[in-house]
């Protein structure tokens, strides 16, 4: 199963440049058909003219199979929610679940061309021997700065402008046919800003959103405690000697520090602890990353917990 998961991920990245290449070749063929006169009677003996190869029936079958592959699993899942009363209630009813699926299809269709550009760039960078990078995902709610939106989504927007201009130069029907891809690229910046903000309403709410499990409620309580300046892990360890002993026993043995292995967060956290007079003052000024580094260092953890 793990190998299958890796293969699916690799296939997702490989299909992005293939899709982009397919779109570019289609536009070039359309441009050739408009600007280059077809040769109906090639050189050599032939009883019949050579007509341009077109198969609209096969094209419709390919389009239908593609839509079925993309939409059929979602529609089957929606039907499953419809026929199960408990799941239907957890999703807010059949109508709300149907609206959520429809909205997700639209948003996914708009985001797919943008992901195609991002993944194609990543594949090209990897093949060129460059580090494409693997940044951590943002799990918390929060908007993205406008400068970062322009920087990240500028290339997809420019690709959308180029595709729209090229398709318009060929014909209006080609522009309309490619509009699902072009619209997603042209509006990459507002789509990125919209999907980065917390969703208003319960359109995309899951059963866990409506009835959070106990572990999630506890995690939210700890997260809220962090926001008000209290570090729950440090507080819990300070008030529970048995838990502290268990935590220290799980830490790996200390290793000799080297210049290329210095933890900057640990160093800054130690400095903050040294200049703090009380435990509360130290905990209030430590960042989450610094607390994490201190929790993984026995001596630093003992120092901060011994503060009065």
C-alpha atoms as a PDB file:
ATOM      1  CA  UNK A   1       0.000   0.000   0.000  1.00  0.00           C
ATOM      2  CA  UNK A   2       2.860   2.395   0.769  1.00  0.00           C
ATOM      3  CA  UNK A   3       4.444   1.734  -2.622  1.00  0.00           C
ATOM      4  CA  UNK A   4       1.091   2.270  -4.288  1.00  0.00           C
ATOM      5  CA  UNK A   5       0.748   5.573  -2.434  1.00  0.00           C
ATOM      6  CA  UNK A   6       4.164   6.662  -3.694  1.00  0.00           C
ATOM      7  CA  UNK A   7       3.299   5.636  -7.243  1.00  0.00           C
ATOM      8  CA  UNK A   8       0.050   7.612  -7.125  1.00  0.00           C
ATOM      9  CA  UNK A   9       1.965  10.686  -5.921  1.00  0.00           C
ATOM     10  CA  UNK A  10       4.585  10.306  -8.641  1.00  0.00           C
ATOM     11  CA  UNK A  11       1.864   9.842 -11.245  1.00  0.00           C
ATOM     12  CA  UNK A  12       0.111  13.007 -10.072  1.00  0.00           C
ATOM     13  CA  UNK A  13       3.282  15.020 -10.686  1.00  0.00           C
ATOM     14  CA  UNK A  14       4.072  13.360 -14.016  1.00  0.00           C
ATOM     15  CA  UNK A  15       0.578  13.966 -15.400  1.00  0.00           C
ATOM     16  CA  UNK A  16       0.896  17.725 -14.806  1.00  0.00           C
ATOM     17  CA  UNK A  17       3.581  18.376 -17.481  1.00  0.00           C
ATOM     18  CA  UNK A  18       1.844  15.869 -19.769  1.00  0.00           C
ATOM     19  CA  UNK A  19      -1.411  17.818 -19.453  1.00  0.00           C
ATOM     20  CA  UNK A  20       0.408  21.089 -20.079  1.00  0.00           C
ATOM     21  CA  UNK A  21       2.134  19.588 -23.119  1.00  0.00           C
ATOM     22  CA  UNK A  22      -1.225  18.316 -24.374  1.00  0.00           C
ATOM     23  CA  UNK A  23      -2.719  21.816 -24.112  1.00  0.00           C
ATOM     24  CA  UNK A  24       0.226  23.440 -25.874  1.00  0.00           C
ATOM     25  CA  UNK A  25       0.218  20.889 -28.681  1.00  0.00           C
ATOM     26  CA  UNK A  26      -3.529  21.328 -29.114  1.00  0.00           C
ATOM     27  CA  UNK A  27      -3.118  25.091 -29.455  1.00  0.00           C
ATOM     28  CA  UNK A  28      -0.248  24.653 -31.910  1.00  0.00           C
ATOM     29  CA  UNK A  29      -2.314  22.254 -34.020  1.00  0.00           C
ATOM     30  CA  UNK A  30      -5.220  24.726 -34.031  1.00  0.00           C
ATOM     31  CA  UNK A  31      -2.848  27.519 -34.992  1.00  0.00           C
ATOM     32  CA  UNK A  32      -1.387  25.391 -37.772  1.00  0.00           C
ATOM     33  CA  UNK A  33      -4.856  24.554 -39.092  1.00  0.00           C
ATOM     34  CA  UNK A  34      -5.667  28.265 -39.251  1.00  0.00           C
ATOM     35  CA  UNK A  35      -2.448  29.580 -40.750  1.00  0.00           C
ATOM     36  CA  UNK A  36      -1.138  26.654 -42.808  1.00  0.00           C
ATOM     37  CA  UNK A  37      -3.214  25.499 -45.735  1.00  0.00           C
ATOM     38  CA  UNK A  38      -3.826  21.734 -45.607  1.00  0.00           C
ATOM     39  CA  UNK A  39      -2.347  19.589 -48.378  1.00  0.00           C
ATOM     40  CA  UNK A  40      -5.214  17.567 -49.760  1.00  0.00           C
ATOM     41  CA  UNK A  41      -3.218  16.105 -52.648  1.00  0.00           C
ATOM     42  CA  UNK A  42       0.249  15.106 -51.464  1.00  0.00           C
ATOM     43  CA  UNK A  43       2.974  14.132 -53.851  1.00  0.00           C
ATOM     44  CA  UNK A  44       2.654  10.698 -55.399  1.00  0.00           C
ATOM     45  CA  UNK A  45      -0.194   8.713 -56.879  1.00  0.00           C
ATOM     46  CA  UNK A  46      -3.459   8.733 -54.926  1.00  0.00           C
ATOM     47  CA  UNK A  47      -7.039   8.042 -56.007  1.00  0.00           C
ATOM     48  CA  UNK A  48      -8.583  10.045 -53.191  1.00  0.00           C
ATOM     49  CA  UNK A  49      -7.648  13.286 -51.404  1.00  0.00           C
ATOM     50  CA  UNK A  50      -6.102  13.151 -47.945  1.00  0.00           C
ATOM     51  CA  UNK A  51      -8.551  14.777 -45.565  1.00  0.00           C
ATOM     52  CA  UNK A  52      -7.436  16.168 -42.180  1.00  0.00           C
ATOM     53  CA  UNK A  53      -7.873  13.470 -39.530  1.00  0.00           C
ATOM     54  CA  UNK A  54     -10.729  14.402 -37.188  1.00  0.00           C
ATOM     55  CA  UNK A  55     -12.832  12.099 -35.048  1.00  0.00           C
ATOM     56  CA  UNK A  56     -15.365  14.092 -33.023  1.00  0.00           C
ATOM     57  CA  UNK A  57     -17.082  10.920 -31.789  1.00  0.00           C
ATOM     58  CA  UNK A  58     -13.858   9.607 -30.294  1.00  0.00           C
ATOM     59  CA  UNK A  59     -13.186  13.033 -28.785  1.00  0.00           C
ATOM     60  CA  UNK A  60     -16.583  12.968 -27.075  1.00  0.00           C
ATOM     61  CA  UNK A  61     -15.858   9.484 -25.703  1.00  0.00           C
ATOM     62  CA  UNK A  62     -12.489  10.615 -24.359  1.00  0.00           C
ATOM     63  CA  UNK A  63     -14.090  13.666 -22.755  1.00  0.00           C
ATOM     64  CA  UNK A  64     -16.846  11.571 -21.201  1.00  0.00           C
ATOM     65  CA  UNK A  65     -14.387   8.991 -19.859  1.00  0.00           C
ATOM     66  CA  UNK A  66     -12.245  11.746 -18.345  1.00  0.00           C
ATOM     67  CA  UNK A  67     -15.201  13.389 -16.632  1.00  0.00           C
ATOM     68  CA  UNK A  68     -16.352  10.010 -15.366  1.00  0.00           C
ATOM     69  CA  UNK A  69     -12.937   9.276 -13.917  1.00  0.00           C
ATOM     70  CA  UNK A  70     -12.852  12.636 -12.147  1.00  0.00           C
ATOM     71  CA  UNK A  71     -16.465  12.976 -11.021  1.00  0.00           C
ATOM     72  CA  UNK A  72     -17.806   9.443 -10.591  1.00  0.00           C
ATOM     73  CA  UNK A  73     -16.045   8.742  -7.239  1.00  0.00           C
ATOM     74  CA  UNK A  74     -17.381  12.007  -5.798  1.00  0.00           C
ATOM     75  CA  UNK A  75     -20.916  11.335  -7.030  1.00  0.00           C
ATOM     76  CA  UNK A  76     -20.865   7.785  -5.667  1.00  0.00           C
ATOM     77  CA  UNK A  77     -19.712   9.130  -2.299  1.00  0.00           C
ATOM     78  CA  UNK A  78     -22.549  11.660  -2.365  1.00  0.00           C
ATOM     79  CA  UNK A  79     -25.076   8.916  -3.104  1.00  0.00           C
ATOM     80  CA  UNK A  80     -23.657   6.922  -0.193  1.00  0.00           C
ATOM     81  CA  UNK A  81     -24.225   9.918   2.097  1.00  0.00           C
ATOM     82  CA  UNK A  82     -27.775  10.274   0.777  1.00  0.00           C
ATOM     83  CA  UNK A  83     -28.760   6.699   1.607  1.00  0.00           C
ATOM     84  CA  UNK A  84     -27.177   6.649   5.085  1.00  0.00           C
ATOM     85  CA  UNK A  85     -29.209   8.620   7.585  1.00  0.00           C
ATOM     86  CA  UNK A  86     -26.496   9.077  10.196  1.00  0.00           C
ATOM     87  CA  UNK A  87     -23.880  10.278   7.710  1.00  0.00           C
ATOM     88  CA  UNK A  88     -26.442  12.515   6.027  1.00  0.00           C
ATOM     89  CA  UNK A  89     -27.251  14.134   9.378  1.00  0.00           C
ATOM     90  CA  UNK A  90     -23.557  14.598  10.215  1.00  0.00           C
ATOM     91  CA  UNK A  91     -23.023  16.461   6.941  1.00  0.00           C
ATOM     92  CA  UNK A  92     -25.978  18.777   7.594  1.00  0.00           C
ATOM     93  CA  UNK A  93     -28.526  17.070   5.380  1.00  0.00           C
ATOM     94  CA  UNK A  94     -28.692  15.929   1.777  1.00  0.00           C
ATOM     95  CA  UNK A  95     -29.138  19.428   0.354  1.00  0.00           C
ATOM     96  CA  UNK A  96     -26.139  20.909   2.159  1.00  0.00           C
ATOM     97  CA  UNK A  97     -23.964  17.908   1.325  1.00  0.00           C
ATOM     98  CA  UNK A  98     -24.929  18.186  -2.355  1.00  0.00           C
ATOM     99  CA  UNK A  99     -24.154  21.903  -2.374  1.00  0.00           C
ATOM    100  CA  UNK A 100     -20.782  21.208  -0.762  1.00  0.00           C
ATOM    101  CA  UNK A 101     -19.887  18.600  -3.376  1.00  0.00           C
ATOM    102  CA  UNK A 102     -20.919  20.932  -6.205  1.00  0.00           C
ATOM    103  CA  UNK A 103     -18.892  23.808  -4.750  1.00  0.00           C
ATOM    104  CA  UNK A 104     -15.879  21.516  -4.252  1.00  0.00           C
ATOM    105  CA  UNK A 105     -16.050  20.411  -7.889  1.00  0.00           C
ATOM    106  CA  UNK A 106     -16.055  24.029  -9.069  1.00  0.00           C
ATOM    107  CA  UNK A 107     -13.188  25.057  -6.777  1.00  0.00           C
ATOM    108  CA  UNK A 108     -11.156  21.971  -7.709  1.00  0.00           C
ATOM    109  CA  UNK A 109     -11.689  22.660 -11.417  1.00  0.00           C
ATOM    110  CA  UNK A 110     -10.439  26.238 -10.976  1.00  0.00           C
ATOM    111  CA  UNK A 111      -7.429  25.159  -8.916  1.00  0.00           C
ATOM    112  CA  UNK A 112      -6.407  22.254 -11.185  1.00  0.00           C
ATOM    113  CA  UNK A 113      -4.716  24.429 -13.871  1.00  0.00           C
ATOM    114  CA  UNK A 114      -2.793  26.326 -11.182  1.00  0.00           C
ATOM    115  CA  UNK A 115      -1.566  23.066  -9.652  1.00  0.00           C
ATOM    116  CA  UNK A 116      -0.627  21.930 -13.161  1.00  0.00           C
ATOM    117  CA  UNK A 117       1.744  24.896 -13.504  1.00  0.00           C
ATOM    118  CA  UNK A 118       3.214  24.439 -10.010  1.00  0.00           C
ATOM    119  CA  UNK A 119       3.782  20.708 -10.451  1.00  0.00           C
ATOM    120  CA  UNK A 120       5.217  21.151 -13.955  1.00  0.00           C
ATOM    121  CA  UNK A 121       7.723  23.670 -12.595  1.00  0.00           C
ATOM    122  CA  UNK A 122       8.635  21.257  -9.801  1.00  0.00           C
ATOM    123  CA  UNK A 123       9.202  18.402 -12.280  1.00  0.00           C
ATOM    124  CA  UNK A 124      11.376  20.602 -14.511  1.00  0.00           C
ATOM    125  CA  UNK A 125      13.439  21.742 -11.513  1.00  0.00           C
ATOM    126  CA  UNK A 126      13.963  18.150 -10.380  1.00  0.00           C
ATOM    127  CA  UNK A 127      15.008  16.998 -13.857  1.00  0.00           C
ATOM    128  CA  UNK A 128      17.373  19.975 -14.038  1.00  0.00           C
ATOM    129  CA  UNK A 129      19.044  18.881 -10.803  1.00  0.00           C
ATOM    130  CA  UNK A 130      17.658  21.720  -8.704  1.00  0.00           C
ATOM    131  CA  UNK A 131      16.054  21.385  -5.292  1.00  0.00           C
ATOM    132  CA  UNK A 132      12.362  22.015  -5.843  1.00  0.00           C
ATOM    133  CA  UNK A 133      11.860  22.349  -2.086  1.00  0.00           C
ATOM    134  CA  UNK A 134       9.285  20.774   0.187  1.00  0.00           C
ATOM    135  CA  UNK A 135       7.793  23.420   2.435  1.00  0.00           C
ATOM    136  CA  UNK A 136       5.586  22.516   5.360  1.00  0.00           C
ATOM    137  CA  UNK A 137       1.887  23.062   4.930  1.00  0.00           C
ATOM    138  CA  UNK A 138       0.024  25.703   6.885  1.00  0.00           C
ATOM    139  CA  UNK A 139      -2.396  23.832   9.093  1.00  0.00           C
ATOM    140  CA  UNK A 140      -3.854  26.819  10.927  1.00  0.00           C
ATOM    141  CA  UNK A 141      -6.351  29.370   9.679  1.00  0.00           C
ATOM    142  CA  UNK A 142      -5.044  32.669   8.439  1.00  0.00           C
ATOM    143  CA  UNK A 143      -4.817  34.851   5.402  1.00  0.00           C
ATOM    144  CA  UNK A 144      -1.813  35.050   3.090  1.00  0.00           C
ATOM    145  CA  UNK A 145      -0.033  38.341   2.526  1.00  0.00           C
ATOM    146  CA  UNK A 146      -0.730  40.058  -0.773  1.00  0.00           C
ATOM    147  CA  UNK A 147       2.942  40.169  -1.680  1.00  0.00           C
ATOM    148  CA  UNK A 148       3.239  36.412  -1.214  1.00  0.00           C
ATOM    149  CA  UNK A 149       0.121  35.835  -3.329  1.00  0.00           C
ATOM    150  CA  UNK A 150       1.558  37.851  -6.197  1.00  0.00           C
ATOM    151  CA  UNK A 151       4.909  36.102  -5.902  1.00  0.00           C
ATOM    152  CA  UNK A 152       3.506  32.579  -5.837  1.00  0.00           C
ATOM    153  CA  UNK A 153       0.640  32.967  -8.286  1.00  0.00           C
ATOM    154  CA  UNK A 154       2.259  35.416 -10.708  1.00  0.00           C
ATOM    155  CA  UNK A 155       3.565  32.695 -13.046  1.00  0.00           C
ATOM    156  CA  UNK A 156       0.187  30.888 -13.383  1.00  0.00           C
ATOM    157  CA  UNK A 157      -1.488  34.231 -14.064  1.00  0.00           C
ATOM    158  CA  UNK A 158       1.010  35.058 -16.813  1.00  0.00           C
ATOM    159  CA  UNK A 159       0.498  31.597 -18.300  1.00  0.00           C
ATOM    160  CA  UNK A 160      -3.245  32.262 -18.340  1.00  0.00           C
ATOM    161  CA  UNK A 161      -2.743  35.568 -20.147  1.00  0.00           C
ATOM    162  CA  UNK A 162      -0.506  33.881 -22.731  1.00  0.00           C
ATOM    163  CA  UNK A 163      -2.967  31.034 -23.278  1.00  0.00           C
ATOM    164  CA  UNK A 164      -5.914  33.411 -23.573  1.00  0.00           C
ATOM    165  CA  UNK A 165      -4.097  35.585 -26.116  1.00  0.00           C
ATOM    166  CA  UNK A 166      -2.983  32.560 -28.147  1.00  0.00           C
ATOM    167  CA  UNK A 167      -6.438  30.978 -28.156  1.00  0.00           C
ATOM    168  CA  UNK A 168      -8.085  34.273 -29.075  1.00  0.00           C
ATOM    169  CA  UNK A 169      -5.632  34.685 -31.962  1.00  0.00           C
ATOM    170  CA  UNK A 170      -6.714  31.311 -33.352  1.00  0.00           C
ATOM    171  CA  UNK A 171     -10.496  31.479 -32.954  1.00  0.00           C
ATOM    172  CA  UNK A 172     -13.246  32.329 -30.500  1.00  0.00           C
ATOM    173  CA  UNK A 173     -14.472  28.701 -30.260  1.00  0.00           C
ATOM    174  CA  UNK A 174     -10.986  27.619 -29.142  1.00  0.00           C
ATOM    175  CA  UNK A 175     -11.001  30.343 -26.484  1.00  0.00           C
ATOM    176  CA  UNK A 176     -14.393  29.155 -25.218  1.00  0.00           C
ATOM    177  CA  UNK A 177     -13.267  25.515 -25.284  1.00  0.00           C
ATOM    178  CA  UNK A 178     -10.190  26.317 -23.190  1.00  0.00           C
ATOM    179  CA  UNK A 179     -12.016  28.737 -20.887  1.00  0.00           C
ATOM    180  CA  UNK A 180     -12.121  26.312 -17.885  1.00  0.00           C
ATOM    181  CA  UNK A 181      -8.319  26.193 -17.893  1.00  0.00           C
ATOM    182  CA  UNK A 182      -7.792  29.856 -18.760  1.00  0.00           C
ATOM    183  CA  UNK A 183     -10.228  31.178 -16.140  1.00  0.00           C
ATOM    184  CA  UNK A 184      -8.511  29.208 -13.378  1.00  0.00           C
ATOM    185  CA  UNK A 185      -5.107  30.603 -14.392  1.00  0.00           C
ATOM    186  CA  UNK A 186      -6.271  34.206 -14.850  1.00  0.00           C
ATOM    187  CA  UNK A 187      -7.916  34.263 -11.420  1.00  0.00           C
ATOM    188  CA  UNK A 188      -5.139  32.355  -9.646  1.00  0.00           C
ATOM    189  CA  UNK A 189      -4.439  35.238  -7.235  1.00  0.00           C
ATOM    190  CA  UNK A 190      -8.034  35.801  -6.021  1.00  0.00           C
ATOM    191  CA  UNK A 191      -8.653  32.048  -5.869  1.00  0.00           C
ATOM    192  CA  UNK A 192      -5.520  31.629  -3.763  1.00  0.00           C
ATOM    193  CA  UNK A 193      -6.623  34.453  -1.462  1.00  0.00           C
ATOM    194  CA  UNK A 194     -10.158  33.080  -1.165  1.00  0.00           C
ATOM    195  CA  UNK A 195      -9.124  29.520  -0.375  1.00  0.00           C
ATOM    196  CA  UNK A 196      -6.549  30.720   2.185  1.00  0.00           C
ATOM    197  CA  UNK A 197      -9.149  32.445   4.361  1.00  0.00           C
ATOM    198  CA  UNK A 198     -11.287  30.572   6.891  1.00  0.00           C
ATOM    199  CA  UNK A 199     -14.469  29.343   5.232  1.00  0.00           C
ATOM    200  CA  UNK A 200     -17.555  31.294   6.197  1.00  0.00           C
ATOM    201  CA  UNK A 201     -20.575  29.122   6.907  1.00  0.00           C
ATOM    202  CA  UNK A 202     -20.763  25.334   6.958  1.00  0.00           C
ATOM    203  CA  UNK A 203     -20.660  24.541   3.241  1.00  0.00           C
ATOM    204  CA  UNK A 204     -17.497  22.437   3.517  1.00  0.00           C
ATOM    205  CA  UNK A 205     -18.054  21.283   7.099  1.00  0.00           C
ATOM    206  CA  UNK A 206     -17.216  17.672   7.933  1.00  0.00           C
ATOM    207  CA  UNK A 207     -18.679  15.550  10.743  1.00  0.00           C
ATOM    208  CA  UNK A 208     -15.539  16.297  12.780  1.00  0.00           C
ATOM    209  CA  UNK A 209     -16.277  20.030  12.419  1.00  0.00           C
ATOM    210  CA  UNK A 210     -19.831  19.641  13.685  1.00  0.00           C
ATOM    211  CA  UNK A 211     -19.061  17.142  16.463  1.00  0.00           C
ATOM    212  CA  UNK A 212     -15.334  17.295  17.252  1.00  0.00           C
ATOM    213  CA  UNK A 213     -13.926  14.120  18.831  1.00  0.00           C
ATOM    214  CA  UNK A 214     -12.464  14.398  22.347  1.00  0.00           C
ATOM    215  CA  UNK A 215      -8.847  14.380  21.165  1.00  0.00           C
ATOM    216  CA  UNK A 216      -9.571  17.288  18.820  1.00  0.00           C
ATOM    217  CA  UNK A 217     -11.352  19.261  21.529  1.00  0.00           C
ATOM    218  CA  UNK A 218      -8.356  18.763  23.815  1.00  0.00           C
ATOM    219  CA  UNK A 219      -5.984  19.888  21.055  1.00  0.00           C
ATOM    220  CA  UNK A 220      -8.066  23.024  20.516  1.00  0.00           C
ATOM    221  CA  UNK A 221      -7.929  23.754  24.254  1.00  0.00           C
ATOM    222  CA  UNK A 222      -4.150  23.468  24.243  1.00  0.00           C
ATOM    223  CA  UNK A 223      -3.923  25.624  21.129  1.00  0.00           C
ATOM    224  CA  UNK A 224      -6.075  28.296  22.774  1.00  0.00           C
ATOM    225  CA  UNK A 225      -3.817  28.172  25.816  1.00  0.00           C
ATOM    226  CA  UNK A 226      -0.800  28.803  23.586  1.00  0.00           C
ATOM    227  CA  UNK A 227      -2.493  31.852  22.052  1.00  0.00           C
ATOM    228  CA  UNK A 228      -2.871  33.500  25.466  1.00  0.00           C
ATOM    229  CA  UNK A 229       0.813  33.043  26.223  1.00  0.00           C
ATOM    230  CA  UNK A 230       0.797  29.856  28.340  1.00  0.00           C
ATOM    231  CA  UNK A 231       2.860  26.887  27.176  1.00  0.00           C
ATOM    232  CA  UNK A 232       0.781  23.845  28.231  1.00  0.00           C
ATOM    233  CA  UNK A 233       3.591  21.304  27.784  1.00  0.00           C
ATOM    234  CA  UNK A 234       5.918  23.176  30.136  1.00  0.00           C
ATOM    235  CA  UNK A 235       3.121  23.762  32.641  1.00  0.00           C
ATOM    236  CA  UNK A 236       2.090  20.103  32.621  1.00  0.00           C
ATOM    237  CA  UNK A 237       5.645  18.858  33.047  1.00  0.00           C
ATOM    238  CA  UNK A 238       6.300  21.303  35.878  1.00  0.00           C
ATOM    239  CA  UNK A 239       3.245  20.191  37.800  1.00  0.00           C
ATOM    240  CA  UNK A 240       3.596  16.437  37.246  1.00  0.00           C
ATOM    241  CA  UNK A 241       6.966  14.942  38.351  1.00  0.00           C
ATOM    242  CA  UNK A 242       5.997  11.465  37.100  1.00  0.00           C
ATOM    243  CA  UNK A 243       5.193  12.818  33.645  1.00  0.00           C
ATOM    244  CA  UNK A 244       8.449  14.782  33.662  1.00  0.00           C
ATOM    245  CA  UNK A 245      10.447  11.660  34.522  1.00  0.00           C
ATOM    246  CA  UNK A 246       8.704   9.712  31.785  1.00  0.00           C
ATOM    247  CA  UNK A 247       9.359  12.493  29.268  1.00  0.00           C
ATOM    248  CA  UNK A 248      13.055  12.714  30.161  1.00  0.00           C
ATOM    249  CA  UNK A 249      13.381   8.944  29.821  1.00  0.00           C
ATOM    250  CA  UNK A 250      12.132   9.118  26.235  1.00  0.00           C
ATOM    251  CA  UNK A 251      14.721  11.686  25.146  1.00  0.00           C
ATOM    252  CA  UNK A 252      17.736  10.424  23.178  1.00  0.00           C
ATOM    253  CA  UNK A 253      21.160  10.644  24.851  1.00  0.00           C
ATOM    254  CA  UNK A 254      22.887  14.014  24.354  1.00  0.00           C
ATOM    255  CA  UNK A 255      25.311  14.228  21.464  1.00  0.00           C
ATOM    256  CA  UNK A 256      28.364  16.404  20.988  1.00  0.00           C
ATOM    257  CA  UNK A 257      27.420  19.665  19.321  1.00  0.00           C
ATOM    258  CA  UNK A 258      28.968  20.509  15.957  1.00  0.00           C
ATOM    259  CA  UNK A 259      28.942  23.804  14.072  1.00  0.00           C
ATOM    260  CA  UNK A 260      26.609  22.429  11.390  1.00  0.00           C
ATOM    261  CA  UNK A 261      24.151  20.903  13.900  1.00  0.00           C
ATOM    262  CA  UNK A 262      23.522  23.876  16.190  1.00  0.00           C
ATOM    263  CA  UNK A 263      19.806  24.353  16.860  1.00  0.00           C
ATOM    264  CA  UNK A 264      19.141  28.084  16.534  1.00  0.00           C
ATOM    265  CA  UNK A 265      15.766  27.802  18.255  1.00  0.00           C
ATOM    266  CA  UNK A 266      17.345  26.004  21.210  1.00  0.00           C
ATOM    267  CA  UNK A 267      20.086  28.609  21.493  1.00  0.00           C
ATOM    268  CA  UNK A 268      17.614  31.504  21.449  1.00  0.00           C
ATOM    269  CA  UNK A 269      15.341  29.678  23.882  1.00  0.00           C
ATOM    270  CA  UNK A 270      18.211  29.128  26.322  1.00  0.00           C
ATOM    271  CA  UNK A 271      19.096  32.817  26.139  1.00  0.00           C
ATOM    272  CA  UNK A 272      15.498  33.832  26.888  1.00  0.00           C
ATOM    273  CA  UNK A 273      15.357  31.443  29.841  1.00  0.00           C
ATOM    274  CA  UNK A 274      18.640  32.763  31.262  1.00  0.00           C
ATOM    275  CA  UNK A 275      17.473  36.383  31.250  1.00  0.00           C
ATOM    276  CA  UNK A 276      14.002  35.543  32.641  1.00  0.00           C
ATOM    277  CA  UNK A 277      13.478  35.859  36.379  1.00  0.00           C
ATOM    278  CA  UNK A 278      10.440  33.577  36.687  1.00  0.00           C
ATOM    279  CA  UNK A 279       9.050  30.530  34.975  1.00  0.00           C
ATOM    280  CA  UNK A 280       5.983  32.430  33.824  1.00  0.00           C
ATOM    281  CA  UNK A 281       8.141  35.130  32.229  1.00  0.00           C
ATOM    282  CA  UNK A 282      10.240  32.562  30.385  1.00  0.00           C
ATOM    283  CA  UNK A 283       7.201  30.611  29.144  1.00  0.00           C
ATOM    284  CA  UNK A 284       5.499  33.792  27.979  1.00  0.00           C
ATOM    285  CA  UNK A 285       8.430  34.858  25.782  1.00  0.00           C
ATOM    286  CA  UNK A 286       9.299  31.480  24.269  1.00  0.00           C
ATOM    287  CA  UNK A 287       7.974  30.786  20.794  1.00  0.00           C
ATOM    288  CA  UNK A 288       6.423  27.453  19.864  1.00  0.00           C
ATOM    289  CA  UNK A 289       9.541  26.361  17.974  1.00  0.00           C
ATOM    290  CA  UNK A 290      11.757  27.306  20.912  1.00  0.00           C
ATOM    291  CA  UNK A 291       9.550  25.358  23.321  1.00  0.00           C
ATOM    292  CA  UNK A 292       9.729  22.350  21.015  1.00  0.00           C
ATOM    293  CA  UNK A 293      13.524  22.515  20.961  1.00  0.00           C
ATOM    294  CA  UNK A 294      13.700  22.882  24.745  1.00  0.00           C
ATOM    295  CA  UNK A 295      11.382  19.891  25.220  1.00  0.00           C
ATOM    296  CA  UNK A 296      13.876  17.793  23.250  1.00  0.00           C
ATOM    297  CA  UNK A 297      16.852  18.897  25.370  1.00  0.00           C
ATOM    298  CA  UNK A 298      17.012  17.562  28.921  1.00  0.00           C
ATOM    299  CA  UNK A 299      19.333  20.189  30.361  1.00  0.00           C
ATOM    300  CA  UNK A 300      17.470  23.139  28.870  1.00  0.00           C
ATOM    301  CA  UNK A 301      14.159  21.690  30.040  1.00  0.00           C
ATOM    302  CA  UNK A 302      15.467  21.263  33.582  1.00  0.00           C
ATOM    303  CA  UNK A 303      16.727  24.839  33.579  1.00  0.00           C
ATOM    304  CA  UNK A 304      13.407  26.373  32.612  1.00  0.00           C
ATOM    305  CA  UNK A 305      11.416  24.171  35.005  1.00  0.00           C
ATOM    306  CA  UNK A 306      13.633  25.129  37.961  1.00  0.00           C
ATOM    307  CA  UNK A 307      12.693  28.777  37.599  1.00  0.00           C
ATOM    308  CA  UNK A 308      10.669  29.970  40.542  1.00  0.00           C
END
